[in-house]
Amino acid sequence: MLSQKLELTANLRQSLVLSQEQQQKQCDDWNHEIAGPCPFAPHEFRNSKNIVERNIIENRKLGEFASQQMRKIFEQSKKDAKIFDSGGIKRVVNVGWGKGDDSKWLNEATLAGYGTVCIDVASIPCTNARRILGLRWDKIRDRPSHVPPPEVIQGDIRSILLDPEPVGLDIPSVKLWYFCRTLTCLDQESAHIVLNILGESLCAEHNRDGLTTVLIISPMWDYNYARVSRRTKLYPIKEIVSMLSYGAGCEVEVADDVQHMYYDQTYSALTMRVK
């Protein structure tokens, strides 16, 4: 169990990277989920009447809620940029494309000066993301010249964060980490590894202006403690903040916590930064 800051040597980090067989299994499992009739629907609703139609509506509503939280951050970022200008390229990393319902913020990200990187372990979402982001990119007017086109990376987020060089992910350039539903799909060890490394990006060495942000949108244990889940794991907010703080080496706080109902689950949009 990884319950403290990860002081990892290169060899230890490499040993924690998932094998190709493990990553391929994740790819196959999530391709199957995405291609199914009601992706992401809670198991207890999957055999209910009109589930396909309801699932489309539920995912669209959650997607708009999530996209709105992202747009709020980009709007604030433009105001902050007038005070804090760190220079260089800044990026937003979207972890988990899924069906892409929560991705309607590329225009705002680009105009706020962010390059967009999308990561997904499955091949079907990556193919869809490349097509959709490419179309949206072409429609953005007055793009800042320093902002690169969107990039899509296929891989397991735990493994990528442990060894980002092969896929060219420059972690210090990331100013916004965005997880919608993805964290609950990770087992506890993977979640702790991911949160610790995200925390490292919040430390003063990489985050001189203190504005690097982690946005996690998921059902939290705090609001759904009676729920029995078959496939996902719900994490307490305190545990998430604790893991980020261990990685950062300083206190991380929840700057905003907004709720949304998805089926019978309470989702939280947690915006977190160093205190």
Protein backbone atom coordinates (compact mmCIF):
# COMPACT_ATOMS: atom_id res chain seq x y z
CA MET A 1 0.00 0.00 0.00
CA LEU A 2 1.41 3.36 -1.01
CA SER A 3 0.35 5.75 1.72
CA GLN A 4 3.16 8.28 1.77
CA LYS A 5 5.08 10.48 -0.61
CA LEU A 6 6.72 8.47 -3.33
CA GLU A 7 10.46 9.09 -3.33
CA LEU A 8 11.02 6.93 -6.38
CA THR A 9 14.28 6.15 -8.09
CA ALA A 10 14.20 5.64 -11.84
CA ASN A 11 14.44 1.87 -11.39
CA LEU A 12 11.61 1.77 -8.85
CA ARG A 13 9.40 3.93 -11.03
CA GLN A 14 10.02 1.60 -13.96
CA SER A 15 9.12 -1.44 -11.85
CA LEU A 16 5.71 0.11 -11.08
CA VAL A 17 4.84 0.63 -14.75
CA LEU A 18 2.13 -1.82 -15.84
CA SER A 19 3.17 -4.55 -18.26
CA GLN A 20 2.08 -4.46 -21.89
CA GLU A 21 -0.24 -7.39 -21.15
CA GLN A 22 -1.90 -5.49 -18.30
CA GLN A 23 -2.31 -2.38 -20.39
CA GLN A 24 -3.71 -4.36 -23.31
CA LYS A 25 -6.31 -5.94 -21.03
CA GLN A 26 -7.35 -2.47 -19.85
CA CYS A 27 -7.57 -1.35 -23.47
CA ASP A 28 -9.76 -4.32 -24.42
CA ASP A 29 -12.02 -3.92 -21.36
CA TRP A 30 -12.67 -0.23 -21.97
CA ASN A 31 -13.10 -0.64 -25.72
CA HIS A 32 -15.81 -3.18 -24.88
CA GLU A 33 -17.46 -0.76 -22.43
CA ILE A 34 -17.37 2.16 -24.87
CA ALA A 35 -18.82 0.08 -27.69
CA GLY A 36 -21.65 -1.26 -25.51
CA PRO A 37 -25.26 -0.02 -25.57
CA CYS A 38 -25.09 1.96 -22.30
CA PRO A 39 -21.48 2.89 -21.43
CA PHE A 40 -20.81 4.01 -17.84
CA ALA A 41 -24.36 3.30 -16.65
CA PRO A 42 -24.46 2.00 -13.04
CA HIS A 43 -24.92 -1.78 -12.98
CA GLU A 44 -28.26 -1.64 -11.15
CA PHE A 45 -29.82 0.40 -13.98
CA ARG A 46 -28.52 -1.55 -16.96
CA ASN A 47 -31.58 -3.78 -17.32
CA SER A 48 -34.15 -1.06 -16.67
CA LYS A 49 -36.67 0.17 -19.22
CA ASN A 50 -35.46 2.75 -21.75
CA ILE A 51 -31.92 2.54 -20.32
CA VAL A 52 -30.23 3.37 -23.66
CA GLU A 53 -32.17 6.62 -24.06
CA ARG A 54 -31.75 7.56 -20.41
CA ASN A 55 -28.04 6.83 -20.49
CA ILE A 56 -27.53 9.21 -23.41
CA ILE A 57 -29.31 11.96 -21.47
CA GLU A 58 -27.44 11.27 -18.21
CA ASN A 59 -24.05 11.31 -19.94
CA ARG A 60 -24.86 14.49 -21.85
CA LYS A 61 -25.94 16.27 -18.66
CA LEU A 62 -22.82 15.14 -16.80
CA GLY A 63 -20.72 16.15 -19.80
CA GLU A 64 -22.15 19.66 -19.84
CA PHE A 65 -21.68 19.98 -16.08
CA ALA A 66 -18.04 18.88 -16.36
CA SER A 67 -17.36 21.10 -19.37
CA GLN A 68 -18.78 24.07 -17.49
CA GLN A 69 -16.37 23.47 -14.60
CA MET A 70 -13.48 23.46 -17.08
CA ARG A 71 -14.68 26.65 -18.76
CA LYS A 72 -14.80 28.37 -15.36
CA ILE A 73 -11.16 27.47 -14.73
CA PHE A 74 -10.06 28.77 -18.14
CA GLU A 75 -11.94 32.03 -17.63
CA GLN A 76 -10.23 32.52 -14.28
CA SER A 77 -6.90 31.56 -15.86
CA LYS A 78 -7.15 34.45 -18.32
CA LYS A 79 -7.59 36.85 -15.39
CA ASP A 80 -4.69 35.28 -13.47
CA ALA A 81 -2.43 35.53 -16.53
CA LYS A 82 -2.58 39.31 -16.27
CA ILE A 83 -0.93 39.01 -12.84
CA PHE A 84 1.14 35.84 -13.16
CA ASP A 85 2.87 35.34 -16.50
CA SER A 86 5.11 32.29 -16.18
CA GLY A 87 6.06 32.23 -19.86
CA GLY A 88 6.50 29.10 -21.98
CA ILE A 89 3.86 26.63 -23.05
CA LYS A 90 1.24 25.56 -20.53
CA ARG A 91 -0.86 22.46 -20.98
CA VAL A 92 -4.10 20.93 -19.82
CA VAL A 93 -4.12 17.12 -19.59
CA ASN A 94 -7.50 15.44 -19.99
CA VAL A 95 -7.23 11.94 -18.51
CA GLY A 96 -9.93 9.68 -19.96
CA TRP A 97 -11.78 10.69 -23.14
CA GLY A 98 -14.50 8.06 -22.83
CA LYS A 99 -17.34 9.07 -25.17
CA GLY A 100 -16.17 12.68 -25.22
CA ASP A 101 -19.36 14.09 -23.66
CA ASP A 102 -17.32 16.19 -21.21
CA SER A 103 -14.84 17.59 -23.73
CA LYS A 104 -16.59 20.74 -24.97
CA TRP A 105 -13.97 23.21 -23.79
CA LEU A 106 -11.16 23.09 -26.38
CA ASN A 107 -12.02 26.57 -27.68
CA GLU A 108 -11.79 28.10 -24.19
CA ALA A 109 -8.59 26.20 -23.37
CA THR A 110 -6.89 27.31 -26.57
CA LEU A 111 -7.87 30.98 -26.25
CA ALA A 112 -6.65 30.92 -22.63
CA GLY A 113 -3.26 29.79 -23.95
CA TYR A 114 -3.37 26.08 -23.08
CA GLY A 115 -2.16 23.26 -25.27
CA THR A 116 -4.46 20.27 -24.86
CA VAL A 117 -3.27 16.71 -24.27
CA CYS A 118 -5.79 13.85 -24.06
CA ILE A 119 -4.85 10.48 -22.55
CA ASP A 120 -6.93 7.31 -22.71
CA VAL A 121 -5.98 3.69 -22.23
CA ALA A 122 -8.37 2.42 -24.93
CA SER A 123 -7.92 2.70 -28.69
CA ILE A 124 -11.54 3.52 -29.65
CA PRO A 125 -11.70 6.69 -27.50
CA CYS A 126 -8.28 7.78 -28.80
CA THR A 127 -9.39 7.40 -32.41
CA ASN A 128 -12.57 9.37 -31.71
CA ALA A 129 -10.68 12.05 -29.77
CA ARG A 130 -8.21 12.64 -32.61
CA ARG A 131 -11.05 13.10 -35.09
CA ILE A 132 -13.26 15.32 -32.90
CA LEU A 133 -10.46 17.48 -31.49
CA GLY A 134 -9.04 17.93 -34.98
CA LEU A 135 -12.39 19.20 -36.27
CA ARG A 136 -12.83 21.55 -33.31
CA TRP A 137 -9.28 22.84 -33.61
CA ASP A 138 -9.85 23.81 -37.24
CA LYS A 139 -12.89 25.91 -36.25
CA ILE A 140 -11.11 27.99 -33.58
CA ARG A 141 -10.51 31.53 -34.77
CA ASP A 142 -7.66 33.77 -33.62
CA ARG A 143 -5.72 30.92 -32.03
CA PRO A 144 -2.64 32.11 -30.11
CA SER A 145 0.38 31.30 -32.27
CA HIS A 146 2.27 29.57 -29.45
CA VAL A 147 -0.50 27.05 -28.67
CA PRO A 148 0.12 23.67 -30.36
CA PRO A 149 -2.68 21.51 -31.84
CA PRO A 150 -4.34 18.98 -29.51
CA GLU A 151 -2.40 15.80 -28.87
CA VAL A 152 -3.87 12.37 -28.08
CA ILE A 153 -1.83 9.72 -26.25
CA GLN A 154 -2.95 6.13 -25.78
CA GLY A 155 -1.78 4.55 -22.56
CA ASP A 156 -2.42 3.81 -18.90
CA ILE A 157 -2.23 7.01 -16.83
CA ARG A 158 -0.31 5.34 -13.98
CA SER A 159 2.36 4.09 -16.38
CA ILE A 160 2.57 7.36 -18.30
CA LEU A 161 3.08 9.43 -15.16
CA LEU A 162 5.74 7.03 -13.88
CA ASP A 163 7.59 7.13 -17.20
CA PRO A 164 6.42 10.12 -19.27
CA GLU A 165 9.44 10.43 -21.55
CA PRO A 166 8.50 7.73 -24.13
CA VAL A 167 5.23 9.53 -24.94
CA GLY A 168 6.75 13.00 -24.72
CA LEU A 169 4.64 14.28 -21.82
CA ASP A 170 6.36 17.27 -20.19
CA ILE A 171 4.86 17.15 -16.69
CA PRO A 172 6.26 20.52 -15.47
CA SER A 173 4.39 22.27 -18.31
CA VAL A 174 1.01 20.94 -17.13
CA LYS A 175 -1.02 23.64 -15.36
CA LEU A 176 -4.34 21.77 -15.26
CA TRP A 177 -5.00 18.08 -14.67
CA TYR A 178 -8.54 16.98 -15.52
CA PHE A 179 -10.06 13.64 -14.50
CA CYS A 180 -13.75 12.99 -15.17
CA ARG A 181 -14.78 9.56 -13.79
CA THR A 182 -11.26 8.22 -14.40
CA LEU A 183 -10.03 8.17 -10.80
CA THR A 184 -12.77 5.77 -9.66
CA CYS A 185 -11.66 3.33 -12.37
CA LEU A 186 -8.24 2.98 -10.74
CA ASP A 187 -7.44 0.51 -7.97
CA GLN A 188 -6.16 1.99 -4.73
CA GLU A 189 -2.47 1.45 -5.46
CA SER A 190 -2.75 3.05 -8.90
CA ALA A 191 -4.83 5.92 -7.54
CA HIS A 192 -2.22 6.64 -4.85
CA ILE A 193 0.62 6.56 -7.38
CA VAL A 194 -1.24 8.89 -9.73
CA LEU A 195 -2.24 11.33 -6.98
CA ASN A 196 1.28 11.43 -5.53
CA ILE A 197 2.78 12.28 -8.92
CA LEU A 198 0.09 14.89 -9.57
CA GLY A 199 1.01 16.29 -6.17
CA GLU A 200 4.63 16.57 -7.27
CA SER A 201 3.49 18.87 -10.09
CA LEU A 202 1.90 21.12 -7.44
CA CYS A 203 5.11 21.58 -5.48
CA ALA A 204 6.82 24.96 -5.49
CA GLU A 205 9.62 23.80 -7.81
CA HIS A 206 7.18 23.23 -10.69
CA ASN A 207 4.39 25.56 -9.58
CA ARG A 208 5.98 28.91 -8.84
CA ASP A 209 2.77 30.88 -9.30
CA GLY A 210 0.75 28.44 -7.18
CA LEU A 211 -1.93 28.18 -9.88
CA THR A 212 -1.46 24.60 -11.09
CA THR A 213 -4.84 22.93 -10.62
CA VAL A 214 -6.22 19.41 -10.30
CA LEU A 215 -9.90 19.00 -11.24
CA ILE A 216 -11.42 15.62 -10.39
CA ILE A 217 -15.06 14.93 -11.24
CA SER A 218 -16.29 11.67 -9.75
CA PRO A 219 -18.69 10.21 -7.24
CA MET A 220 -16.95 10.61 -3.88
CA TRP A 221 -17.36 8.23 -0.97
CA ASP A 222 -18.37 11.16 1.25
CA TYR A 223 -21.66 11.58 -0.61
CA ASN A 224 -22.21 7.99 -1.73
CA TYR A 225 -20.96 5.89 1.21
CA ALA A 226 -23.95 3.52 1.07
CA ARG A 227 -23.33 2.64 -2.56
CA VAL A 228 -21.99 -0.81 -3.48
CA SER A 229 -20.07 -0.62 -6.72
CA ARG A 230 -19.02 -3.61 -8.81
CA ARG A 231 -16.41 -2.03 -11.03
CA THR A 232 -15.32 1.28 -9.58
CA LYS A 233 -13.85 2.40 -6.27
CA LEU A 234 -15.07 5.51 -4.47
CA TYR A 235 -12.45 7.53 -2.63
CA PRO A 236 -13.02 9.90 0.33
CA ILE A 237 -12.16 13.51 -0.42
CA LYS A 238 -9.78 13.50 2.55
CA GLU A 239 -7.80 10.61 1.03
CA ILE A 240 -7.50 12.36 -2.33
CA VAL A 241 -6.31 15.61 -0.73
CA SER A 242 -3.92 13.69 1.52
CA MET A 243 -2.26 11.90 -1.41
CA LEU A 244 -1.88 15.14 -3.37
CA SER A 245 -0.41 16.83 -0.30
CA TYR A 246 2.12 14.03 0.25
CA GLY A 247 3.28 14.40 -3.34
CA ALA A 248 3.40 18.18 -3.16
CA GLY A 249 5.23 18.23 0.16
CA CYS A 250 2.83 20.93 1.33
CA GLU A 251 -0.86 21.33 2.08
CA VAL A 252 -3.31 21.04 -0.80
CA GLU A 253 -6.84 22.34 -0.37
CA VAL A 254 -10.21 21.96 -2.07
CA ALA A 255 -10.84 25.39 -3.59
CA ASP A 256 -14.28 24.40 -4.91
CA ASP A 257 -16.66 21.46 -4.53
CA VAL A 258 -19.72 21.47 -6.81
CA GLN A 259 -22.23 18.60 -6.97
CA HIS A 260 -24.20 17.04 -9.82
CA MET A 261 -26.64 14.12 -9.79
CA TYR A 262 -25.84 11.28 -12.22
CA TYR A 263 -28.55 8.63 -11.96
CA ASP A 264 -28.78 8.17 -8.17
CA GLN A 265 -25.12 9.11 -7.53
CA THR A 266 -23.82 12.44 -6.30
CA TYR A 267 -20.84 13.50 -8.39
CA SER A 268 -18.41 16.13 -7.10
CA ALA A 269 -16.28 18.49 -9.10
CA LEU A 270 -13.26 19.03 -6.84
CA THR A 271 -10.95 21.88 -7.81
CA MET A 272 -7.69 21.53 -5.85
CA ARG A 273 -4.61 23.70 -5.51
CA VAL A 274 -1.82 24.29 -3.01
CA LYS A 275 -2.96 26.25 0.02
